Amino acid sequence: MPKNNIEKLRKQRRLTQEQLADIIGIGRDTLGRYEAEVTDMKVSVLIALADYFNVTTDYILGRSTKQYIDRKKVFDAISDNHLKLISELCMNEE
């Protein structure tokens, strides 16, 4: 299994473990265990890290080498029928 990218991202921002832990609201020891992959990461922490670093959760977990989603490709792949269906679903929720 590939190693997660938490430490790499943290060091790119020149943050200590303590600084990043404070930013995302966890303890430094917990962050250290996540970086070392000693402990499984909570989903809420994974999301907080992805939001902070503006990368995908798959990149943080080491499951992808792509840091960012190409939103244009995603939107280009959505057909007009899909957009109509999404619009109808949103209208039904109101």
C-alpha atoms as a PDB file:
ATOM      1  CA  MET A   1       0.000   0.000   0.000  1.00  0.00           C
ATOM      2  CA  PRO A   2       1.397   3.427  -0.891  1.00  0.00           C
ATOM      3  CA  LYS A   3       2.420   5.800   1.885  1.00  0.00           C
ATOM      4  CA  ASN A   4       0.134   8.732   2.605  1.00  0.00           C
ATOM      5  CA  ASN A   5       1.244  12.254   1.670  1.00  0.00           C
ATOM      6  CA  ILE A   6       0.484  14.107   4.904  1.00  0.00           C
ATOM      7  CA  GLU A   7       4.097  14.666   5.901  1.00  0.00           C
ATOM      8  CA  LYS A   8       5.044  15.722   2.361  1.00  0.00           C
ATOM      9  CA  LEU A   9       2.232  18.294   2.225  1.00  0.00           C
ATOM     10  CA  ARG A  10       3.010  19.565   5.710  1.00  0.00           C
ATOM     11  CA  LYS A  11       6.684  20.052   4.899  1.00  0.00           C
ATOM     12  CA  GLN A  12       5.864  21.805   1.610  1.00  0.00           C
ATOM     13  CA  ARG A  13       4.002  24.398   3.689  1.00  0.00           C
ATOM     14  CA  ARG A  14       6.874  24.505   6.195  1.00  0.00           C
ATOM     15  CA  LEU A  15       4.625  23.531   9.071  1.00  0.00           C
ATOM     16  CA  THR A  16       5.535  21.589  12.175  1.00  0.00           C
ATOM     17  CA  GLN A  17       3.351  18.714  13.283  1.00  0.00           C
ATOM     18  CA  GLU A  18       2.151  20.876  16.142  1.00  0.00           C
ATOM     19  CA  GLN A  19       1.167  23.741  13.822  1.00  0.00           C
ATOM     20  CA  LEU A  20      -0.775  21.512  11.419  1.00  0.00           C
ATOM     21  CA  ALA A  21      -2.413  19.644  14.279  1.00  0.00           C
ATOM     22  CA  ASP A  22      -3.620  22.955  15.731  1.00  0.00           C
ATOM     23  CA  ILE A  23      -4.928  24.078  12.344  1.00  0.00           C
ATOM     24  CA  ILE A  24      -7.053  20.959  11.847  1.00  0.00           C
ATOM     25  CA  GLY A  25      -7.985  20.558  15.505  1.00  0.00           C
ATOM     26  CA  ILE A  26      -6.205  17.391  16.600  1.00  0.00           C
ATOM     27  CA  GLY A  27      -3.290  16.596  18.886  1.00  0.00           C
ATOM     28  CA  ARG A  28       0.303  16.560  17.641  1.00  0.00           C
ATOM     29  CA  ASP A  29       0.727  12.935  18.718  1.00  0.00           C
ATOM     30  CA  THR A  30      -2.356  11.967  16.734  1.00  0.00           C
ATOM     31  CA  LEU A  31      -1.038  13.699  13.618  1.00  0.00           C
ATOM     32  CA  GLY A  32       2.287  11.912  14.069  1.00  0.00           C
ATOM     33  CA  ARG A  33       0.497   8.556  14.213  1.00  0.00           C
ATOM     34  CA  TYR A  34      -1.463   9.427  11.047  1.00  0.00           C
ATOM     35  CA  GLU A  35       1.737  10.428   9.224  1.00  0.00           C
ATOM     36  CA  ALA A  36       3.462   7.209  10.304  1.00  0.00           C
ATOM     37  CA  GLU A  37       0.315   5.232   9.411  1.00  0.00           C
ATOM     38  CA  VAL A  38       0.233   3.695  12.862  1.00  0.00           C
ATOM     39  CA  THR A  39      -3.403   4.727  13.320  1.00  0.00           C
ATOM     40  CA  ASP A  40      -6.224   4.823  10.784  1.00  0.00           C
ATOM     41  CA  MET A  41      -7.285   8.365  10.053  1.00  0.00           C
ATOM     42  CA  LYS A  42     -10.771   9.565  10.938  1.00  0.00           C
ATOM     43  CA  VAL A  43     -12.815  10.654   7.931  1.00  0.00           C
ATOM     44  CA  SER A  44     -13.329  14.094   9.475  1.00  0.00           C
ATOM     45  CA  VAL A  45      -9.551  14.563   9.721  1.00  0.00           C
ATOM     46  CA  LEU A  46      -9.040  13.349   6.151  1.00  0.00           C
ATOM     47  CA  ILE A  47     -11.578  15.904   4.915  1.00  0.00           C
ATOM     48  CA  ALA A  48     -10.027  18.673   7.017  1.00  0.00           C
ATOM     49  CA  LEU A  49      -6.583  17.901   5.562  1.00  0.00           C
ATOM     50  CA  ALA A  50      -7.914  17.800   1.990  1.00  0.00           C
ATOM     51  CA  ASP A  51      -9.694  21.115   2.505  1.00  0.00           C
ATOM     52  CA  TYR A  52      -6.667  22.754   4.106  1.00  0.00           C
ATOM     53  CA  PHE A  53      -4.193  21.593   1.453  1.00  0.00           C
ATOM     54  CA  ASN A  54      -6.736  21.888  -1.381  1.00  0.00           C
ATOM     55  CA  VAL A  55      -5.997  18.381  -2.646  1.00  0.00           C
ATOM     56  CA  THR A  56      -8.042  15.230  -3.123  1.00  0.00           C
ATOM     57  CA  THR A  57      -8.543  12.749  -0.322  1.00  0.00           C
ATOM     58  CA  ASP A  58      -7.076  10.062  -2.587  1.00  0.00           C
ATOM     59  CA  TYR A  59      -3.871  12.103  -2.866  1.00  0.00           C
ATOM     60  CA  ILE A  60      -3.632  12.446   0.908  1.00  0.00           C
ATOM     61  CA  LEU A  61      -4.105   8.688   1.302  1.00  0.00           C
ATOM     62  CA  GLY A  62      -1.455   7.933  -1.329  1.00  0.00           C
ATOM     63  CA  ARG A  63      -3.996   6.327  -3.642  1.00  0.00           C
ATOM     64  CA  SER A  64      -3.363   8.844  -6.430  1.00  0.00           C
ATOM     65  CA  THR A  65      -0.466  10.911  -7.691  1.00  0.00           C
ATOM     66  CA  LYS A  66      -2.861  13.594  -8.924  1.00  0.00           C
ATOM     67  CA  GLN A  67      -3.260  16.275  -6.314  1.00  0.00           C
ATOM     68  CA  TYR A  68      -6.197  18.036  -7.909  1.00  0.00           C
ATOM     69  CA  ILE A  69      -9.379  17.046  -9.683  1.00  0.00           C
ATOM     70  CA  ASP A  70      -9.647  18.377 -13.229  1.00  0.00           C
ATOM     71  CA  ARG A  71     -13.087  19.893 -12.754  1.00  0.00           C
ATOM     72  CA  LYS A  72     -13.355  20.840 -16.427  1.00  0.00           C
ATOM     73  CA  LYS A  73     -13.055  17.176 -17.431  1.00  0.00           C
ATOM     74  CA  VAL A  74     -15.694  16.235 -14.868  1.00  0.00           C
ATOM     75  CA  PHE A  75     -18.118  18.889 -16.072  1.00  0.00           C
ATOM     76  CA  ASP A  76     -17.421  18.103 -19.731  1.00  0.00           C
ATOM     77  CA  ALA A  77     -18.311  14.469 -19.049  1.00  0.00           C
ATOM     78  CA  ILE A  78     -21.739  15.394 -17.692  1.00  0.00           C
ATOM     79  CA  SER A  79     -24.293  15.144 -20.448  1.00  0.00           C
ATOM     80  CA  ASP A  80     -27.207  17.521 -20.944  1.00  0.00           C
ATOM     81  CA  ASN A  81     -29.546  14.747 -19.790  1.00  0.00           C
ATOM     82  CA  HIS A  82     -27.587  14.438 -16.545  1.00  0.00           C
ATOM     83  CA  LEU A  83     -27.779  18.194 -15.993  1.00  0.00           C
ATOM     84  CA  LYS A  84     -31.540  18.142 -16.590  1.00  0.00           C
ATOM     85  CA  LEU A  85     -31.969  15.292 -14.109  1.00  0.00           C
ATOM     86  CA  ILE A  86     -29.825  17.076 -11.487  1.00  0.00           C
ATOM     87  CA  SER A  87     -31.849  20.247 -11.985  1.00  0.00           C
ATOM     88  CA  GLU A  88     -35.123  18.354 -11.573  1.00  0.00           C
ATOM     89  CA  LEU A  89     -33.874  16.660  -8.406  1.00  0.00           C
ATOM     90  CA  CYS A  90     -32.839  20.000  -6.938  1.00  0.00           C
ATOM     91  CA  MET A  91     -36.224  21.502  -7.766  1.00  0.00           C
ATOM     92  CA  ASN A  92     -37.988  18.616  -6.027  1.00  0.00           C
ATOM     93  CA  GLU A  93     -36.023  19.256  -2.820  1.00  0.00           C
ATOM     94  CA  GLU A  94     -37.315  22.827  -2.585  1.00  0.00           C
END
